């Protein structure tokens, strides 16, 4: 703020540096602190459900690690149980945790997939993220219509039929 020539003695700016730092540490980049990692709740798959479970349209709000501007969009995750099922809200919390740090979308996609594979003890995990990057929309090319799609397909999702079924649920 000093480099930009802002008057930090002005009443409206006096506490801004501290507020901004606090916001980044406790909110925007809270996913950098391992103690904020969500506790995972698993349950026995007593109904023997052996098809894919899909949670789609999970809100992604992150920040580009190159420019510190927002990345926003939707994550879609799926898994096939290996004997346990996860509390549905935990899928959203995993996406949120890894989103709340400076990111690149490719890494975010893989981090979510790896966390699900570990938590659920299965390779049968798929993650698709479709997001807009403010570093593309608000600077440089200033393209407001494009989005970036990244995907991870593990285990049974590498099979074209399973992958197609998953993408059909997403309308892709």
C-alpha atoms as a PDB file:
ATOM      1  CA  UNK A   1       0.000   0.000   0.000  1.00  0.00           C
ATOM      2  CA  UNK A   2       2.912   2.311   0.709  1.00  0.00           C
ATOM      3  CA  UNK A   3       4.413   1.491  -2.713  1.00  0.00           C
ATOM      4  CA  UNK A   4       1.091   2.497  -4.306  1.00  0.00           C
ATOM      5  CA  UNK A   5       1.316   5.853  -2.545  1.00  0.00           C
ATOM      6  CA  UNK A   6      -1.683   5.305  -0.280  1.00  0.00           C
ATOM      7  CA  UNK A   7      -1.917   7.424   2.863  1.00  0.00           C
ATOM      8  CA  UNK A   8      -1.974   4.893   5.678  1.00  0.00           C
ATOM      9  CA  UNK A   9      -2.648   7.638   8.213  1.00  0.00           C
ATOM     10  CA  UNK A  10      -6.075   8.220   6.607  1.00  0.00           C
ATOM     11  CA  UNK A  11      -8.844   7.059   8.974  1.00  0.00           C
ATOM     12  CA  UNK A  12     -10.308   4.622   6.446  1.00  0.00           C
ATOM     13  CA  UNK A  13      -6.907   3.018   5.683  1.00  0.00           C
ATOM     14  CA  UNK A  14      -5.293   3.081   9.128  1.00  0.00           C
ATOM     15  CA  UNK A  15      -6.086  -0.557  10.017  1.00  0.00           C
ATOM     16  CA  UNK A  16      -6.215  -1.904   6.469  1.00  0.00           C
ATOM     17  CA  UNK A  17      -2.786  -3.612   6.334  1.00  0.00           C
ATOM     18  CA  UNK A  18      -3.591  -5.607   9.486  1.00  0.00           C
ATOM     19  CA  UNK A  19      -7.138  -6.438   8.271  1.00  0.00           C
ATOM     20  CA  UNK A  20      -5.812  -7.628   4.910  1.00  0.00           C
ATOM     21  CA  UNK A  21      -3.121  -9.775   6.520  1.00  0.00           C
ATOM     22  CA  UNK A  22      -5.650 -11.266   8.945  1.00  0.00           C
ATOM     23  CA  UNK A  23      -8.092 -11.963   6.088  1.00  0.00           C
ATOM     24  CA  UNK A  24      -5.450 -13.808   4.057  1.00  0.00           C
ATOM     25  CA  UNK A  25      -4.182 -15.853   7.011  1.00  0.00           C
ATOM     26  CA  UNK A  26      -7.474 -16.789   8.686  1.00  0.00           C
ATOM     27  CA  UNK A  27      -9.828 -16.933   5.693  1.00  0.00           C
ATOM     28  CA  UNK A  28      -8.535 -16.781   2.127  1.00  0.00           C
ATOM     29  CA  UNK A  29      -5.474 -19.001   2.706  1.00  0.00           C
ATOM     30  CA  UNK A  30      -6.732 -20.981   5.715  1.00  0.00           C
ATOM     31  CA  UNK A  31      -6.076 -24.200   3.766  1.00  0.00           C
ATOM     32  CA  UNK A  32      -2.337 -23.696   4.302  1.00  0.00           C
ATOM     33  CA  UNK A  33      -2.755 -24.507   8.002  1.00  0.00           C
ATOM     34  CA  UNK A  34      -2.911 -28.298   8.496  1.00  0.00           C
ATOM     35  CA  UNK A  35      -5.018 -27.884  11.648  1.00  0.00           C
ATOM     36  CA  UNK A  36      -7.855 -26.642   9.386  1.00  0.00           C
ATOM     37  CA  UNK A  37      -7.934 -29.903   7.442  1.00  0.00           C
ATOM     38  CA  UNK A  38     -11.423 -31.368   7.859  1.00  0.00           C
ATOM     39  CA  UNK A  39     -11.882 -34.478   9.956  1.00  0.00           C
ATOM     40  CA  UNK A  40     -13.211 -37.215   7.715  1.00  0.00           C
ATOM     41  CA  UNK A  41     -16.285 -39.155   8.791  1.00  0.00           C
ATOM     42  CA  UNK A  42     -16.634 -42.606   7.248  1.00  0.00           C
ATOM     43  CA  UNK A  43     -19.469 -45.071   7.604  1.00  0.00           C
ATOM     44  CA  UNK A  44     -19.820 -48.747   6.794  1.00  0.00           C
ATOM     45  CA  UNK A  45     -21.349 -49.294   3.371  1.00  0.00           C
ATOM     46  CA  UNK A  46     -24.005 -51.514   4.942  1.00  0.00           C
ATOM     47  CA  UNK A  47     -26.332 -51.146   1.949  1.00  0.00           C
ATOM     48  CA  UNK A  48     -23.598 -52.578  -0.297  1.00  0.00           C
ATOM     49  CA  UNK A  49     -23.956 -49.675  -2.717  1.00  0.00           C
ATOM     50  CA  UNK A  50     -21.353 -50.449  -5.389  1.00  0.00           C
ATOM     51  CA  UNK A  51     -22.090 -47.824  -8.034  1.00  0.00           C
ATOM     52  CA  UNK A  52     -20.454 -44.446  -8.256  1.00  0.00           C
ATOM     53  CA  UNK A  53     -21.513 -41.712  -5.896  1.00  0.00           C
ATOM     54  CA  UNK A  54     -21.318 -38.269  -7.511  1.00  0.00           C
ATOM     55  CA  UNK A  55     -21.335 -34.940  -5.709  1.00  0.00           C
ATOM     56  CA  UNK A  56     -21.502 -32.229  -8.335  1.00  0.00           C
ATOM     57  CA  UNK A  57     -21.489 -28.453  -8.442  1.00  0.00           C
ATOM     58  CA  UNK A  58     -19.353 -27.992  -5.332  1.00  0.00           C
ATOM     59  CA  UNK A  59     -18.343 -24.353  -5.145  1.00  0.00           C
ATOM     60  CA  UNK A  60     -14.653 -23.685  -5.762  1.00  0.00           C
ATOM     61  CA  UNK A  61     -13.261 -20.350  -4.694  1.00  0.00           C
ATOM     62  CA  UNK A  62      -9.490 -20.136  -4.698  1.00  0.00           C
ATOM     63  CA  UNK A  63      -6.720 -17.726  -5.643  1.00  0.00           C
ATOM     64  CA  UNK A  64      -4.193 -17.944  -8.452  1.00  0.00           C
ATOM     65  CA  UNK A  65      -0.752 -18.377  -6.936  1.00  0.00           C
ATOM     66  CA  UNK A  66       0.790 -16.332  -9.750  1.00  0.00           C
ATOM     67  CA  UNK A  67      -1.331 -13.175  -9.361  1.00  0.00           C
ATOM     68  CA  UNK A  68      -3.298 -13.650  -6.092  1.00  0.00           C
ATOM     69  CA  UNK A  69      -6.589 -13.015  -7.867  1.00  0.00           C
ATOM     70  CA  UNK A  70      -9.661 -15.271  -7.605  1.00  0.00           C
ATOM     71  CA  UNK A  71     -10.325 -18.563  -9.322  1.00  0.00           C
ATOM     72  CA  UNK A  72     -13.982 -19.559  -9.072  1.00  0.00           C
ATOM     73  CA  UNK A  73     -16.101 -22.353 -10.436  1.00  0.00           C
ATOM     74  CA  UNK A  74     -17.431 -25.808  -9.678  1.00  0.00           C
ATOM     75  CA  UNK A  75     -15.863 -29.108  -8.665  1.00  0.00           C
ATOM     76  CA  UNK A  76     -17.482 -32.455  -9.338  1.00  0.00           C
ATOM     77  CA  UNK A  77     -16.251 -35.501  -7.446  1.00  0.00           C
ATOM     78  CA  UNK A  78     -17.133 -39.169  -7.577  1.00  0.00           C
ATOM     79  CA  UNK A  79     -16.002 -42.370  -5.971  1.00  0.00           C
ATOM     80  CA  UNK A  80     -16.887 -46.033  -5.817  1.00  0.00           C
ATOM     81  CA  UNK A  81     -16.927 -47.435  -2.292  1.00  0.00           C
ATOM     82  CA  UNK A  82     -14.365 -49.984  -1.199  1.00  0.00           C
ATOM     83  CA  UNK A  83     -16.443 -50.748   1.890  1.00  0.00           C
ATOM     84  CA  UNK A  84     -16.825 -47.304   3.438  1.00  0.00           C
ATOM     85  CA  UNK A  85     -18.814 -44.218   2.494  1.00  0.00           C
ATOM     86  CA  UNK A  86     -17.979 -40.651   3.421  1.00  0.00           C
ATOM     87  CA  UNK A  87     -20.282 -38.067   4.974  1.00  0.00           C
ATOM     88  CA  UNK A  88     -21.461 -36.006   2.004  1.00  0.00           C
ATOM     89  CA  UNK A  89     -20.559 -32.633   3.507  1.00  0.00           C
ATOM     90  CA  UNK A  90     -16.972 -33.874   3.874  1.00  0.00           C
ATOM     91  CA  UNK A  91     -16.644 -33.922   0.080  1.00  0.00           C
ATOM     92  CA  UNK A  92     -17.438 -30.200   0.035  1.00  0.00           C
ATOM     93  CA  UNK A  93     -15.101 -29.557   2.957  1.00  0.00           C
ATOM     94  CA  UNK A  94     -12.200 -31.331   1.244  1.00  0.00           C
ATOM     95  CA  UNK A  95     -12.697 -29.164  -1.864  1.00  0.00           C
ATOM     96  CA  UNK A  96     -12.891 -26.044   0.295  1.00  0.00           C
ATOM     97  CA  UNK A  97      -9.782 -26.919   2.320  1.00  0.00           C
ATOM     98  CA  UNK A  98      -7.529 -27.380  -0.696  1.00  0.00           C
ATOM     99  CA  UNK A  99      -9.094 -24.372  -2.452  1.00  0.00           C
ATOM    100  CA  UNK A 100      -8.258 -22.078   0.465  1.00  0.00           C
ATOM    101  CA  UNK A 101      -4.630 -21.560  -0.499  1.00  0.00           C
ATOM    102  CA  UNK A 102      -2.721 -20.017  -3.392  1.00  0.00           C
ATOM    103  CA  UNK A 103      -3.316 -22.541  -6.164  1.00  0.00           C
ATOM    104  CA  UNK A 104      -3.017 -23.671  -9.706  1.00  0.00           C
ATOM    105  CA  UNK A 105      -6.054 -25.595 -10.868  1.00  0.00           C
ATOM    106  CA  UNK A 106      -4.106 -28.669 -11.952  1.00  0.00           C
ATOM    107  CA  UNK A 107      -2.612 -29.125  -8.469  1.00  0.00           C
ATOM    108  CA  UNK A 108      -5.971 -28.473  -6.805  1.00  0.00           C
ATOM    109  CA  UNK A 109      -7.584 -31.232  -8.879  1.00  0.00           C
ATOM    110  CA  UNK A 110      -4.908 -33.759  -7.918  1.00  0.00           C
ATOM    111  CA  UNK A 111      -4.884 -32.750  -4.236  1.00  0.00           C
ATOM    112  CA  UNK A 112      -8.635 -33.332  -3.956  1.00  0.00           C
ATOM    113  CA  UNK A 113      -8.352 -36.692  -5.723  1.00  0.00           C
ATOM    114  CA  UNK A 114      -5.430 -37.841  -3.570  1.00  0.00           C
ATOM    115  CA  UNK A 115      -7.208 -36.857  -0.355  1.00  0.00           C
ATOM    116  CA  UNK A 116     -10.311 -38.810  -1.395  1.00  0.00           C
ATOM    117  CA  UNK A 117      -8.240 -41.844  -2.384  1.00  0.00           C
ATOM    118  CA  UNK A 118      -6.505 -41.836   0.993  1.00  0.00           C
ATOM    119  CA  UNK A 119      -9.638 -41.171   3.061  1.00  0.00           C
ATOM    120  CA  UNK A 120     -11.746 -43.770   1.247  1.00  0.00           C
ATOM    121  CA  UNK A 121      -8.957 -46.309   0.693  1.00  0.00           C
ATOM    122  CA  UNK A 122      -9.784 -46.641  -3.001  1.00  0.00           C
ATOM    123  CA  UNK A 123      -8.271 -45.713  -6.342  1.00  0.00           C
ATOM    124  CA  UNK A 124     -11.806 -45.377  -7.769  1.00  0.00           C
ATOM    125  CA  UNK A 125     -12.017 -41.587  -7.618  1.00  0.00           C
ATOM    126  CA  UNK A 126     -12.790 -38.930 -10.226  1.00  0.00           C
ATOM    127  CA  UNK A 127     -12.540 -35.143  -9.969  1.00  0.00           C
ATOM    128  CA  UNK A 128     -13.448 -32.520 -12.569  1.00  0.00           C
ATOM    129  CA  UNK A 129     -13.066 -28.789 -11.956  1.00  0.00           C
ATOM    130  CA  UNK A 130     -14.470 -26.155 -14.304  1.00  0.00           C
ATOM    131  CA  UNK A 131     -13.339 -22.693 -13.235  1.00  0.00           C
ATOM    132  CA  UNK A 132     -12.817 -19.137 -14.351  1.00  0.00           C
ATOM    133  CA  UNK A 133      -9.556 -17.380 -13.596  1.00  0.00           C
ATOM    134  CA  UNK A 134      -9.575 -13.664 -12.863  1.00  0.00           C
ATOM    135  CA  UNK A 135      -5.952 -13.499 -14.022  1.00  0.00           C
ATOM    136  CA  UNK A 136      -7.370 -14.232 -17.500  1.00  0.00           C
ATOM    137  CA  UNK A 137     -10.583 -12.218 -17.121  1.00  0.00           C
ATOM    138  CA  UNK A 138      -9.384  -9.018 -15.467  1.00  0.00           C
ATOM    139  CA  UNK A 139      -5.854  -8.585 -16.817  1.00  0.00           C
ATOM    140  CA  UNK A 140      -3.766  -9.601 -19.800  1.00  0.00           C
ATOM    141  CA  UNK A 141      -6.105 -10.970 -22.470  1.00  0.00           C
ATOM    142  CA  UNK A 142      -9.267  -9.944 -20.517  1.00  0.00           C
ATOM    143  CA  UNK A 143     -11.283 -12.885 -21.791  1.00  0.00           C
ATOM    144  CA  UNK A 144     -14.446 -13.167 -19.699  1.00  0.00           C
ATOM    145  CA  UNK A 145     -15.965 -16.080 -21.606  1.00  0.00           C
ATOM    146  CA  UNK A 146     -13.404 -18.833 -21.205  1.00  0.00           C
ATOM    147  CA  UNK A 147     -13.090 -21.365 -18.413  1.00  0.00           C
ATOM    148  CA  UNK A 148     -10.485 -23.971 -17.553  1.00  0.00           C
ATOM    149  CA  UNK A 149     -11.390 -27.627 -17.082  1.00  0.00           C
ATOM    150  CA  UNK A 150      -9.099 -30.093 -15.325  1.00  0.00           C
ATOM    151  CA  UNK A 151      -9.793 -33.732 -14.558  1.00  0.00           C
ATOM    152  CA  UNK A 152      -8.451 -36.681 -12.614  1.00  0.00           C
ATOM    153  CA  UNK A 153      -9.632 -40.240 -13.270  1.00  0.00           C
ATOM    154  CA  UNK A 154      -8.380 -43.051 -11.056  1.00  0.00           C
ATOM    155  CA  UNK A 155      -9.077 -46.757 -10.847  1.00  0.00           C
ATOM    156  CA  UNK A 156     -12.368 -47.764 -12.490  1.00  0.00           C
ATOM    157  CA  UNK A 157     -12.827 -44.211 -13.800  1.00  0.00           C
ATOM    158  CA  UNK A 158     -10.011 -44.831 -16.267  1.00  0.00           C
ATOM    159  CA  UNK A 159     -12.402 -47.237 -17.976  1.00  0.00           C
ATOM    160  CA  UNK A 160     -14.121 -45.309 -20.801  1.00  0.00           C
ATOM    161  CA  UNK A 161     -17.606 -46.564 -19.831  1.00  0.00           C
ATOM    162  CA  UNK A 162     -17.232 -45.426 -16.203  1.00  0.00           C
ATOM    163  CA  UNK A 163     -15.691 -42.125 -17.279  1.00  0.00           C
ATOM    164  CA  UNK A 164     -18.547 -41.548 -19.758  1.00  0.00           C
ATOM    165  CA  UNK A 165     -21.146 -42.373 -17.103  1.00  0.00           C
ATOM    166  CA  UNK A 166     -19.570 -39.834 -14.732  1.00  0.00           C
ATOM    167  CA  UNK A 167     -19.400 -37.133 -17.410  1.00  0.00           C
ATOM    168  CA  UNK A 168     -23.011 -37.853 -18.399  1.00  0.00           C
ATOM    169  CA  UNK A 169     -24.104 -37.094 -14.820  1.00  0.00           C
ATOM    170  CA  UNK A 170     -22.284 -33.778 -15.135  1.00  0.00           C
ATOM    171  CA  UNK A 171     -23.911 -32.956 -18.469  1.00  0.00           C
ATOM    172  CA  UNK A 172     -20.520 -32.912 -20.178  1.00  0.00           C
END
